C-alpha atoms as a PDB file:
ATOM      1  CA  MET A   1     -14.980  13.478   1.219  1.00  0.00           C
ATOM      2  CA  SER A   2     -15.771  10.828  -1.378  1.00  0.00           C
ATOM      3  CA  THR A   3     -13.160   8.417  -2.716  1.00  0.00           C
ATOM      4  CA  LEU A   4     -12.916  10.323  -6.003  1.00  0.00           C
ATOM      5  CA  GLU A   5     -12.542  13.655  -4.180  1.00  0.00           C
ATOM      6  CA  LEU A   6      -9.755  12.162  -2.064  1.00  0.00           C
ATOM      7  CA  CYS A   7      -8.223  10.718  -5.214  1.00  0.00           C
ATOM      8  CA  GLU A   8      -8.115  14.199  -6.729  1.00  0.00           C
ATOM      9  CA  LYS A   9      -6.786  15.726  -3.511  1.00  0.00           C
ATOM     10  CA  TYR A  10      -3.898  13.311  -3.064  1.00  0.00           C
ATOM     11  CA  PHE A  11      -3.169  12.225  -6.649  1.00  0.00           C
ATOM     12  CA  GLU A  12      -4.481  15.181  -8.717  1.00  0.00           C
ATOM     13  CA  THR A  13      -6.848  13.084 -10.827  1.00  0.00           C
ATOM     14  CA  ARG A  14     -10.316  11.516 -10.609  1.00  0.00           C
ATOM     15  CA  ASP A  15      -9.462   9.022 -13.344  1.00  0.00           C
ATOM     16  CA  VAL A  16      -8.531   5.843 -11.480  1.00  0.00           C
ATOM     17  CA  TYR A  17      -7.187   4.196 -14.629  1.00  0.00           C
ATOM     18  CA  LYS A  18      -4.838   7.117 -15.226  1.00  0.00           C
ATOM     19  CA  LEU A  19      -3.726   7.001 -11.601  1.00  0.00           C
ATOM     20  CA  MET A  20      -3.049   3.253 -11.754  1.00  0.00           C
ATOM     21  CA  ASN A  21      -1.570   3.515 -15.285  1.00  0.00           C
ATOM     22  CA  LEU A  22      -4.019   0.874 -16.536  1.00  0.00           C
ATOM     23  CA  GLN A  23      -6.291   0.303 -19.512  1.00  0.00           C
ATOM     24  CA  LYS A  24     -10.004  -0.237 -18.859  1.00  0.00           C
ATOM     25  CA  ASP A  25      -9.746  -3.860 -19.973  1.00  0.00           C
ATOM     26  CA  ALA A  26      -6.829  -4.617 -17.635  1.00  0.00           C
ATOM     27  CA  LYS A  27      -6.838  -8.102 -16.126  1.00  0.00           C
ATOM     28  CA  GLU A  28      -6.962  -8.675 -12.382  1.00  0.00           C
ATOM     29  CA  LYS A  29      -3.274  -9.653 -12.374  1.00  0.00           C
ATOM     30  CA  GLU A  30      -2.357  -6.312 -13.969  1.00  0.00           C
ATOM     31  CA  ILE A  31      -4.552  -4.423 -11.482  1.00  0.00           C
ATOM     32  CA  LYS A  32      -2.923  -6.211  -8.571  1.00  0.00           C
ATOM     33  CA  LYS A  33       0.563  -5.387  -9.894  1.00  0.00           C
ATOM     34  CA  ALA A  34      -0.300  -1.704 -10.392  1.00  0.00           C
ATOM     35  CA  TYR A  35      -1.846  -1.501  -6.918  1.00  0.00           C
ATOM     36  CA  HIS A  36       1.224  -3.088  -5.368  1.00  0.00           C
ATOM     37  CA  LYS A  37       3.583  -0.620  -7.045  1.00  0.00           C
ATOM     38  CA  LEU A  38       1.665   2.485  -5.984  1.00  0.00           C
ATOM     39  CA  SER A  39       0.711   1.332  -2.496  1.00  0.00           C
ATOM     40  CA  LEU A  40       4.312   0.417  -1.778  1.00  0.00           C
ATOM     41  CA  LEU A  41       5.239   4.076  -2.253  1.00  0.00           C
ATOM     42  CA  VAL A  42       2.740   5.316   0.328  1.00  0.00           C
ATOM     43  CA  HIS A  43       2.671   2.370   2.730  1.00  0.00           C
ATOM     44  CA  PRO A  44       2.531   3.860   6.266  1.00  0.00           C
ATOM     45  CA  ASP A  45       5.244   1.476   7.477  1.00  0.00           C
ATOM     46  CA  ARG A  46       7.910   2.990   5.207  1.00  0.00           C
ATOM     47  CA  VAL A  47       7.461   6.740   5.633  1.00  0.00           C
ATOM     48  CA  PRO A  48       8.733   9.116   8.352  1.00  0.00           C
ATOM     49  CA  GLU A  49       6.515   9.639  11.386  1.00  0.00           C
ATOM     50  CA  ASP A  50       5.419  13.137  10.313  1.00  0.00           C
ATOM     51  CA  GLN A  51       4.093  11.737   7.011  1.00  0.00           C
ATOM     52  CA  LYS A  52       2.207   8.720   8.387  1.00  0.00           C
ATOM     53  CA  LYS A  53      -1.172  10.468   8.600  1.00  0.00           C
ATOM     54  CA  GLU A  54      -1.194  11.604   4.967  1.00  0.00           C
ATOM     55  CA  SER A  55       0.415   8.357   3.834  1.00  0.00           C
ATOM     56  CA  THR A  56      -2.326   6.341   5.541  1.00  0.00           C
ATOM     57  CA  GLU A  57      -5.016   8.356   3.760  1.00  0.00           C
ATOM     58  CA  LYS A  58      -3.318   7.822   0.407  1.00  0.00           C
ATOM     59  CA  PHE A  59      -3.028   4.115   1.152  1.00  0.00           C
ATOM     60  CA  LYS A  60      -6.743   3.915   1.935  1.00  0.00           C
ATOM     61  CA  VAL A  61      -7.637   5.619  -1.347  1.00  0.00           C
ATOM     62  CA  LEU A  62      -5.494   3.206  -3.363  1.00  0.00           C
ATOM     63  CA  SER A  63      -6.930   0.241  -1.485  1.00  0.00           C
ATOM     64  CA  LYS A  64     -10.480   1.402  -2.182  1.00  0.00           C
ATOM     65  CA  ILE A  65      -9.686   1.812  -5.888  1.00  0.00           C
ATOM     66  CA  TYR A  66      -8.176  -1.670  -5.958  1.00  0.00           C
ATOM     67  CA  GLN A  67     -11.333  -3.036  -4.346  1.00  0.00           C
ATOM     68  CA  VAL A  68     -13.493  -1.305  -6.968  1.00  0.00           C
ATOM     69  CA  LEU A  69     -11.448  -2.470  -9.962  1.00  0.00           C
ATOM     70  CA  THR A  70     -11.432  -6.085  -8.793  1.00  0.00           C
ATOM     71  CA  ASP A  71     -15.199  -6.192  -8.185  1.00  0.00           C
ATOM     72  CA  SER A  72     -17.116  -6.661 -11.465  1.00  0.00           C
ATOM     73  CA  GLN A  73     -20.249  -4.796 -10.333  1.00  0.00           C
ATOM     74  CA  LYS A  74     -18.394  -1.864  -8.734  1.00  0.00           C
ATOM     75  CA  LYS A  75     -16.085  -1.624 -11.736  1.00  0.00           C
ATOM     76  CA  ALA A  76     -19.051  -1.592 -14.135  1.00  0.00           C
ATOM     77  CA  LEU A  77     -20.671   1.227 -12.139  1.00  0.00           C
ATOM     78  CA  TYR A  78     -17.485   3.306 -12.345  1.00  0.00           C
ATOM     79  CA  ASP A  79     -16.920   2.528 -16.049  1.00  0.00           C
ATOM     80  CA  GLU A  80     -20.486   3.415 -17.033  1.00  0.00           C
ATOM     81  CA  GLN A  81     -21.249   6.344 -14.723  1.00  0.00           C
ATOM     82  CA  GLY A  82     -17.932   7.430 -13.204  1.00  0.00           C
ATOM     83  CA  ILE A  83     -19.262   6.651  -9.722  1.00  0.00           C
ATOM     84  CA  ILE A  84     -17.639   4.880  -6.777  1.00  0.00           C
ATOM     85  CA  ASP A  85     -20.086   3.724  -4.122  1.00  0.00           C
ATOM     86  CA  ASP A  86     -18.738   4.727  -0.702  1.00  0.00           C
ATOM     87  CA  ASP A  87     -21.810   3.710   1.300  1.00  0.00           C
ATOM     88  CA  ASP A  88     -20.278   0.411   2.417  1.00  0.00           C
ATOM     89  CA  ASP A  89     -17.112   2.007   3.789  1.00  0.00           C
ATOM     90  CA  SER A  90     -16.172   2.593   7.401  1.00  0.00           C
ATOM     91  CA  GLU A  91     -12.982   3.632   9.160  1.00  0.00           C
ATOM     92  CA  GLY A  92     -12.650   0.170  10.665  1.00  0.00           C
ATOM     93  CA  LYS A  93     -12.775  -1.556   7.286  1.00  0.00           C
ATOM     94  CA  LEU A  94     -10.274   0.818   5.777  1.00  0.00           C
ATOM     95  CA  SER A  95      -7.764   0.450   8.583  1.00  0.00           C
ATOM     96  CA  SER A  96      -8.011  -3.348   8.381  1.00  0.00           C
ATOM     97  CA  TRP A  97      -6.812  -3.158   4.755  1.00  0.00           C
ATOM     98  CA  LEU A  98      -3.289  -2.698   6.071  1.00  0.00           C
ATOM     99  CA  ASP A  99      -3.489  -6.218   7.506  1.00  0.00           C
ATOM    100  CA  LEU A 100      -5.176  -7.613   4.427  1.00  0.00           C
ATOM    101  CA  TRP A 101      -2.531  -5.992   2.199  1.00  0.00           C
ATOM    102  CA  SER A 102       0.172  -7.910   4.010  1.00  0.00           C
ATOM    103  CA  LYS A 103      -1.703 -11.137   3.249  1.00  0.00           C
ATOM    104  CA  ILE A 104      -2.066 -10.355  -0.468  1.00  0.00           C
ATOM    105  CA  PHE A 105       1.528  -9.323  -1.094  1.00  0.00           C
ATOM    106  CA  LYS A 106       4.879 -10.549   0.111  1.00  0.00           C
ATOM    107  CA  PRO A 107       6.357  -8.727   3.132  1.00  0.00           C
ATOM    108  CA  ILE A 108       8.027  -5.373   2.571  1.00  0.00           C
ATOM    109  CA  THR A 109      11.697  -6.241   2.800  1.00  0.00           C
ATOM    110  CA  GLU A 110      14.758  -4.098   2.229  1.00  0.00           C
ATOM    111  CA  GLU A 111      15.236  -5.864  -1.104  1.00  0.00           C
ATOM    112  CA  VAL A 112      11.674  -5.053  -2.233  1.00  0.00           C
ATOM    113  CA  ILE A 113      12.117  -1.374  -1.348  1.00  0.00           C
ATOM    114  CA  ASN A 114      15.514  -1.182  -3.047  1.00  0.00           C
ATOM    115  CA  ASN A 115      14.147  -2.738  -6.240  1.00  0.00           C
ATOM    116  CA  TYR A 116      11.242  -0.336  -6.338  1.00  0.00           C
ATOM    117  CA  GLU A 117      13.536   2.614  -5.659  1.00  0.00           C
ATOM    118  CA  LYS A 118      15.433   1.732  -8.853  1.00  0.00           C
ATOM    119  CA  GLU A 119      12.166   1.882 -10.815  1.00  0.00           C
ATOM    120  CA  TYR A 120      10.952   5.067  -9.130  1.00  0.00           C
ATOM    121  CA  VAL A 121      14.062   7.262  -9.329  1.00  0.00           C
ATOM    122  CA  GLY A 122      14.057   9.134 -12.637  1.00  0.00           C
ATOM    123  CA  SER A 123      10.505   8.052 -13.481  1.00  0.00           C
ATOM    124  CA  GLU A 124       7.583  10.258 -14.491  1.00  0.00           C
ATOM    125  CA  LEU A 125       5.965   9.479 -11.139  1.00  0.00           C
ATOM    126  CA  GLU A 126       8.989  10.904  -9.320  1.00  0.00           C
ATOM    127  CA  ARG A 127       8.819  14.045 -11.466  1.00  0.00           C
ATOM    128  CA  THR A 128       5.135  14.457 -10.575  1.00  0.00           C
ATOM    129  CA  ASP A 129       5.913  14.045  -6.871  1.00  0.00           C
ATOM    130  CA  VAL A 130       8.774  16.555  -7.063  1.00  0.00           C
ATOM    131  CA  LYS A 131       6.538  19.114  -8.769  1.00  0.00           C
ATOM    132  CA  LYS A 132       3.773  18.641  -6.202  1.00  0.00           C
ATOM    133  CA  ALA A 133       6.201  18.887  -3.273  1.00  0.00           C
ATOM    134  CA  TYR A 134       7.896  21.972  -4.748  1.00  0.00           C
ATOM    135  CA  LEU A 135       4.549  23.748  -5.009  1.00  0.00           C
ATOM    136  CA  GLY A 136       3.329  22.463  -1.649  1.00  0.00           C
ATOM    137  CA  GLY A 137       6.440  23.671   0.180  1.00  0.00           C
ATOM    138  CA  LYS A 138       6.827  26.822  -1.920  1.00  0.00           C
ATOM    139  CA  GLY A 139      10.326  25.782  -2.911  1.00  0.00           C
ATOM    140  CA  CYS A 140      11.521  24.634   0.518  1.00  0.00           C
ATOM    141  CA  LEU A 141      14.047  21.821   0.032  1.00  0.00           C
ATOM    142  CA  ASN A 142      13.373  20.505   3.526  1.00  0.00           C
ATOM    143  CA  TYR A 143       9.747  20.048   2.470  1.00  0.00           C
ATOM    144  CA  LEU A 144      10.835  18.208  -0.682  1.00  0.00           C
ATOM    145  CA  MET A 145      13.062  15.915   1.377  1.00  0.00           C
ATOM    146  CA  ASN A 146      10.084  14.965   3.542  1.00  0.00           C
ATOM    147  CA  HIS A 147       7.579  14.483   0.729  1.00  0.00           C
ATOM    148  CA  VAL A 148       9.464  12.956  -2.209  1.00  0.00           C
ATOM    149  CA  PRO A 149       9.993   9.209  -1.688  1.00  0.00           C
ATOM    150  CA  PHE A 150      13.612   8.011  -1.562  1.00  0.00           C
ATOM    151  CA  MET A 151      15.013  11.563  -1.805  1.00  0.00           C
ATOM    152  CA  LYS A 152      18.325  11.979   0.019  1.00  0.00           C
ATOM    153  CA  VAL A 153      20.774  14.863   0.284  1.00  0.00           C
ATOM    154  CA  GLU A 154      22.918  13.341  -2.455  1.00  0.00           C
ATOM    155  CA  ASP A 155      19.875  13.632  -4.747  1.00  0.00           C
ATOM    156  CA  GLU A 156      19.640  17.411  -4.299  1.00  0.00           C
ATOM    157  CA  PRO A 157      21.719  18.340  -7.389  1.00  0.00           C
ATOM    158  CA  ARG A 158      19.609  16.047  -9.589  1.00  0.00           C
ATOM    159  CA  ILE A 159      16.327  17.330  -8.137  1.00  0.00           C
ATOM    160  CA  LYS A 160      17.483  20.938  -8.507  1.00  0.00           C
ATOM    161  CA  VAL A 161      18.152  20.395 -12.206  1.00  0.00           C
ATOM    162  CA  MET A 162      14.688  18.884 -12.559  1.00  0.00           C
ATOM    163  CA  VAL A 163      12.956  21.803 -10.814  1.00  0.00           C
ATOM    164  CA  GLU A 164      15.023  24.427 -12.658  1.00  0.00           C
ATOM    165  CA  ALA A 165      13.836  22.899 -15.935  1.00  0.00           C
ATOM    166  CA  MET A 166      10.231  23.207 -14.706  1.00  0.00           C
ATOM    167  CA  ILE A 167      10.829  26.853 -13.799  1.00  0.00           C
ATOM    168  CA  ALA A 168      12.375  27.555 -17.196  1.00  0.00           C
ATOM    169  CA  ALA A 169       9.376  25.940 -18.903  1.00  0.00           C
ATOM    170  CA  GLU A 170       7.058  28.018 -16.672  1.00  0.00           C
ATOM    171  CA  GLU A 171       5.443  24.883 -15.272  1.00  0.00           C
ATOM    172  CA  VAL A 172       6.042  26.198 -11.762  1.00  0.00           C
ATOM    173  CA  PRO A 173       6.809  29.636 -10.304  1.00  0.00           C
ATOM    174  CA  GLU A 174      10.273  30.540  -9.059  1.00  0.00           C
ATOM    175  CA  TYR A 175      10.519  30.546  -5.264  1.00  0.00           C
ATOM    176  CA  LYS A 176      13.474  32.261  -3.605  1.00  0.00           C
ATOM    177  CA  ALA A 177      13.394  29.610  -0.878  1.00  0.00           C
ATOM    178  CA  PHE A 178      14.607  27.246  -3.595  1.00  0.00           C
ATOM    179  CA  THR A 179      16.847  29.390  -5.781  1.00  0.00           C
ATOM    180  CA  GLU A 180      18.416  31.368  -2.933  1.00  0.00           C
ATOM    181  CA  GLU A 181      18.498  28.886  -0.068  1.00  0.00           C
ATOM    182  CA  PRO A 182      20.795  30.098   2.760  1.00  0.00           C
ATOM    183  CA  ALA A 183      23.963  28.042   3.191  1.00  0.00           C
ATOM    184  CA  ALA A 184      23.269  27.699   6.930  1.00  0.00           C
ATOM    185  CA  LYS A 185      19.913  26.099   6.278  1.00  0.00           C
ATOM    186  CA  ARG A 186      21.439  23.662   3.770  1.00  0.00           C
ATOM    187  CA  LYS A 187      24.231  22.732   6.205  1.00  0.00           C
ATOM    188  CA  LYS A 188      21.736  22.140   9.007  1.00  0.00           C
ATOM    189  CA  ARG A 189      19.706  19.809   6.778  1.00  0.00           C
ATOM    190  CA  HIS A 190      22.786  17.865   5.719  1.00  0.00           C
ATOM    191  CA  ASN A 191      23.938  17.465   9.330  1.00  0.00           C
ATOM    192  CA  LYS A 192      20.478  16.265  10.323  1.00  0.00           C
ATOM    193  CA  TYR A 193      20.480  13.706   7.517  1.00  0.00           C
ATOM    194  CA  ALA A 194      23.937  12.446   8.543  1.00  0.00           C
ATOM    195  CA  ARG A 195      22.750  11.929  12.145  1.00  0.00           C
ATOM    196  CA  GLU A 196      19.593  10.136  10.996  1.00  0.00           C
ATOM    197  CA  PHE A 197      21.631   7.885   8.704  1.00  0.00           C
ATOM    198  CA  GLU A 198      23.891   6.844  11.593  1.00  0.00           C
ATOM    199  CA  GLU A 199      20.862   6.206  13.817  1.00  0.00           C
ATOM    200  CA  ALA A 200      19.231   4.119  11.088  1.00  0.00           C
ATOM    201  CA  GLN A 201      22.375   1.980  10.792  1.00  0.00           C
ATOM    202  CA  VAL A 202      22.341   1.339  14.547  1.00  0.00           C
ATOM    203  CA  ILE A 203      18.647   0.362  14.461  1.00  0.00           C
ATOM    204  CA  LYS A 204      19.234  -1.881  11.449  1.00  0.00           C
ATOM    205  CA  GLU A 205      22.017  -3.707  13.266  1.00  0.00           C
ATOM    206  CA  ARG A 206      19.832  -4.165  16.360  1.00  0.00           C
ATOM    207  CA  ILE A 207      17.054  -5.646  14.230  1.00  0.00           C
ATOM    208  CA  ARG A 208      19.550  -7.999  12.572  1.00  0.00           C
ATOM    209  CA  GLN A 209      20.845  -9.165  15.934  1.00  0.00           C
ATOM    210  CA  ARG A 210      17.310  -9.696  17.298  1.00  0.00           C
ATOM    211  CA  GLN A 211      16.359 -11.703  14.222  1.00  0.00           C
ATOM    212  CA  GLN A 212      19.528 -13.787  14.495  1.00  0.00           C
ATOM    213  CA  LYS A 213      18.790 -14.480  18.155  1.00  0.00           C
ATOM    214  CA  LYS A 214      15.200 -15.437  17.356  1.00  0.00           C
ATOM    215  CA  ASP A 215      16.364 -17.785  14.589  1.00  0.00           C
ATOM    216  CA  GLU A 216      18.753 -19.482  16.997  1.00  0.00           C
ATOM    217  CA  GLU A 217      16.031 -19.820  19.654  1.00  0.00           C
ATOM    218  CA  ASP A 218      13.540 -21.216  17.131  1.00  0.00           C
ATOM    219  CA  LEU A 219      16.090 -23.687  15.845  1.00  0.00           C
ATOM    220  CA  GLU A 220      16.927 -24.787  19.373  1.00  0.00           C
ATOM    221  CA  ALA A 221      13.217 -25.154  20.229  1.00  0.00           C
ATOM    222  CA  SER A 222      12.778 -27.420  17.202  1.00  0.00           C
ATOM    223  CA  GLY A 223      15.599 -29.654  18.370  1.00  0.00           C
ATOM    224  CA  GLY A 224      17.956 -28.396  15.719  1.00  0.00           C
ATOM    225  CA  ASN A 225      15.578 -29.483  12.967  1.00  0.00           C
ATOM    226  CA  LEU A 226      15.384 -26.737  10.327  1.00  0.00           C
ATOM    227  CA  GLN A 227      12.342 -28.306   8.650  1.00  0.00           C
ATOM    228  CA  GLN A 228      10.392 -28.290  11.908  1.00  0.00           C
ATOM    229  CA  MET A 229      11.309 -24.627  12.486  1.00  0.00           C
ATOM    230  CA  ILE A 230       9.999 -23.678   9.024  1.00  0.00           C
ATOM    231  CA  LEU A 231       6.786 -25.631   9.660  1.00  0.00           C
ATOM    232  CA  ALA A 232       6.307 -23.909  13.014  1.00  0.00           C
ATOM    233  CA  ARG A 233       6.612 -20.494  11.369  1.00  0.00           C
ATOM    234  CA  LYS A 234       4.147 -21.506   8.653  1.00  0.00           C
ATOM    235  CA  ASN A 235       1.642 -22.540  11.327  1.00  0.00           C
ATOM    236  CA  GLN A 236       2.179 -19.234  13.107  1.00  0.00           C
ATOM    237  CA  ARG A 237       1.437 -17.269   9.919  1.00  0.00           C
ATOM    238  CA  GLU A 238      -1.753 -19.285   9.396  1.00  0.00           C
ATOM    239  CA  SER A 239      -2.739 -18.644  13.002  1.00  0.00           C
ATOM    240  CA  ASN A 240      -2.195 -14.901  12.525  1.00  0.00           C
ATOM    241  CA  TYR A 241      -4.383 -14.948   9.406  1.00  0.00           C
ATOM    242  CA  ASN A 242      -7.174 -16.822  11.196  1.00  0.00           C
ATOM    243  CA  SER A 243      -6.987 -14.327  14.048  1.00  0.00           C
ATOM    244  CA  LEU A 244      -7.420 -11.500  11.539  1.00  0.00           C
ATOM    245  CA  MET A 245     -10.473 -13.164  10.000  1.00  0.00           C
ATOM    246  CA  ASP A 246     -11.943 -13.737  13.471  1.00  0.00           C
ATOM    247  CA  ARG A 247     -11.551 -10.031  14.270  1.00  0.00           C
ATOM    248  CA  LEU A 248     -13.237  -9.015  11.020  1.00  0.00           C
ATOM    249  CA  LEU A 249     -16.076 -11.475  11.561  1.00  0.00           C
ATOM    250  CA  GLU A 250     -16.574 -10.281  15.135  1.00  0.00           C
ATOM    251  CA  LYS A 251     -16.842  -6.710  13.886  1.00  0.00           C
ATOM    252  CA  TYR A 252     -18.813  -7.160  10.671  1.00  0.00           C
ATOM    253  CA  GLY A 253     -20.157 -10.710  10.624  1.00  0.00           C
ATOM    254  CA  ASP A 254     -23.739 -11.836  11.114  1.00  0.00           C
ATOM    255  CA  GLU A 255     -24.193 -13.720  14.401  1.00  0.00           C
ATOM    256  CA  ASP A 256     -26.738 -16.173  12.926  1.00  0.00           C
ATOM    257  CA  ASP A 257     -25.013 -19.570  12.590  1.00  0.00           C
ATOM    258  CA  SER A 258     -28.165 -21.474  11.617  1.00  0.00           C
ATOM    259  CA  GLN A 259     -27.147 -21.813   7.973  1.00  0.00           C
ATOM    260  CA  THR A 260     -23.463 -22.678   8.067  1.00  0.00           C
ATOM    261  CA  VAL A 261     -21.596 -25.726   6.876  1.00  0.00           C
ATOM    262  CA  ASP A 262     -18.107 -27.037   7.573  1.00  0.00           C
ATOM    263  CA  PHE A 263     -15.790 -25.936   4.773  1.00  0.00           C
ATOM    264  CA  SER A 264     -12.501 -27.372   6.006  1.00  0.00           C
ATOM    265  CA  SER A 265     -12.764 -30.642   4.045  1.00  0.00           C
ATOM    266  CA  PHE A 266     -13.582 -29.087   0.675  1.00  0.00           C
ATOM    267  CA  GLU A 267     -10.954 -28.701  -2.026  1.00  0.00           C
ATOM    268  CA  LYS A 268     -10.672 -25.338  -3.763  1.00  0.00           C
ATOM    269  CA  LYS A 269     -13.064 -25.302  -6.725  1.00  0.00           C
ATOM    270  CA  LYS A 270     -11.862 -24.587 -10.223  1.00  0.00           C
ATOM    271  CA  LYS A 271     -11.938 -20.933 -11.220  1.00  0.00           C
ATOM    272  CA  SER A 272     -13.849 -21.681 -14.397  1.00  0.00           C
ATOM    273  CA  LYS A 273     -16.713 -23.244 -12.455  1.00  0.00           C
ATOM    274  CA  ALA A 274     -16.834 -20.342 -10.019  1.00  0.00           C
ATOM    275  CA  LYS A 275     -16.918 -17.796 -12.839  1.00  0.00           C
ATOM    276  CA  LYS A 276     -19.696 -19.698 -14.621  1.00  0.00           C
ATOM    277  CA  SER A 277     -21.770 -19.731 -11.446  1.00  0.00           C
ATOM    278  CA  ALA A 278     -21.219 -15.987 -10.919  1.00  0.00           C
ATOM    279  CA  ARG A 279     -22.358 -15.203 -14.477  1.00  0.00           C
ATOM    280  CA  SER A 280     -25.513 -17.277 -14.201  1.00  0.00           C
ATOM    281  CA  ASN A 281     -26.467 -15.711 -10.845  1.00  0.00           C
ATOM    282  CA  PRO A 282     -25.173 -12.109 -10.901  1.00  0.00           C
ATOM    283  CA  LYS A 283     -27.488 -10.959  -8.105  1.00  0.00           C
ATOM    284  CA  GLU A 284     -26.918 -13.933  -5.848  1.00  0.00           C
ATOM    285  CA  LYS A 285     -25.726 -12.991  -2.385  1.00  0.00           C
ATOM    286  CA  LEU A 286     -21.982 -13.535  -2.023  1.00  0.00           C
ATOM    287  CA  LYS A 287     -20.955 -16.295   0.314  1.00  0.00           C
ATOM    288  CA  SER A 288     -19.155 -15.119   3.444  1.00  0.00           C
ATOM    289  CA  VAL A 289     -16.364 -16.929   5.285  1.00  0.00           C
ATOM    290  CA  ARG A 290     -16.727 -17.371   9.018  1.00  0.00           C
ATOM    291  CA  ALA A 291     -13.785 -18.966  10.851  1.00  0.00           C
ATOM    292  CA  GLY A 292     -13.248 -21.708   8.260  1.00  0.00           C
ATOM    293  CA  ARG A 293     -16.937 -22.066   7.284  1.00  0.00           C
ATOM    294  CA  VAL A 294     -19.060 -20.719   4.474  1.00  0.00           C
ATOM    295  CA  GLU A 295     -22.502 -19.263   5.003  1.00  0.00           C
ATOM    296  CA  LYS A 296     -25.064 -20.686   2.612  1.00  0.00           C
ATOM    297  CA  ALA A 297     -26.624 -18.166   0.277  1.00  0.00           C
ATOM    298  CA  LYS A 298     -30.152 -17.336   1.418  1.00  0.00           C
ATOM    299  CA  LYS A 299     -32.848 -18.035  -1.100  1.00  0.00           C
END
């Protein structure tokens, strides 16, 4: 399926601006912010195991749209003809976007998730997700629990009021699985949630203890110097990034090194100069980075 077909399948629209809640003239900073908000909801690392497959597909779609909207030529093609070119895609490239995403945005912490939950709960996006899950599960509340982000058993009364309003407005059909749910089924779900909550607390505490132990070991390894420990972690992050680039270059890069120059000593050029160069040579081959070097554009 094409990107736009997948967009319609998972987000019920082929209009990427509507999906991202953006205007056509949105700046790159606005696009990045919109992408971060939506991708955070479907990030494979924050959904239950049984939702990871669908979540990964949704994440890929959003990542592809972000790539299109931040590329002037691809964006112009979509704006003028409503087309997204999928010819340059491959499963390997798409899966690597998970790593690249973590380099673009700050790590997903508990604080980040909690802040976004406050924005999401009660929003129009939540209402859309509830409606889709209600129809997809034919009224099954267990299905809603698994498909509506952040939904917990204590949210059931609020969600029920929301769905009942949709039924009254004839937006959705009335399913007996929803309006006449057996008490035994509801009790079983609540007991399951209580067990999972307790398990999550145990796991959270284990992670905290492991992190505390690692911090103590890192501090000891640095001779008790906090500044050295921070520097060591910074170097490790840079090493991880370089390893990622090496993997991408090994998979997609050209093996011809005859026209490469050392880039490590160059300062980052001003954005205005780069933009001016891009406008004057719109068809010029983009420069590619190879392990800290830049390939010269072929004439």
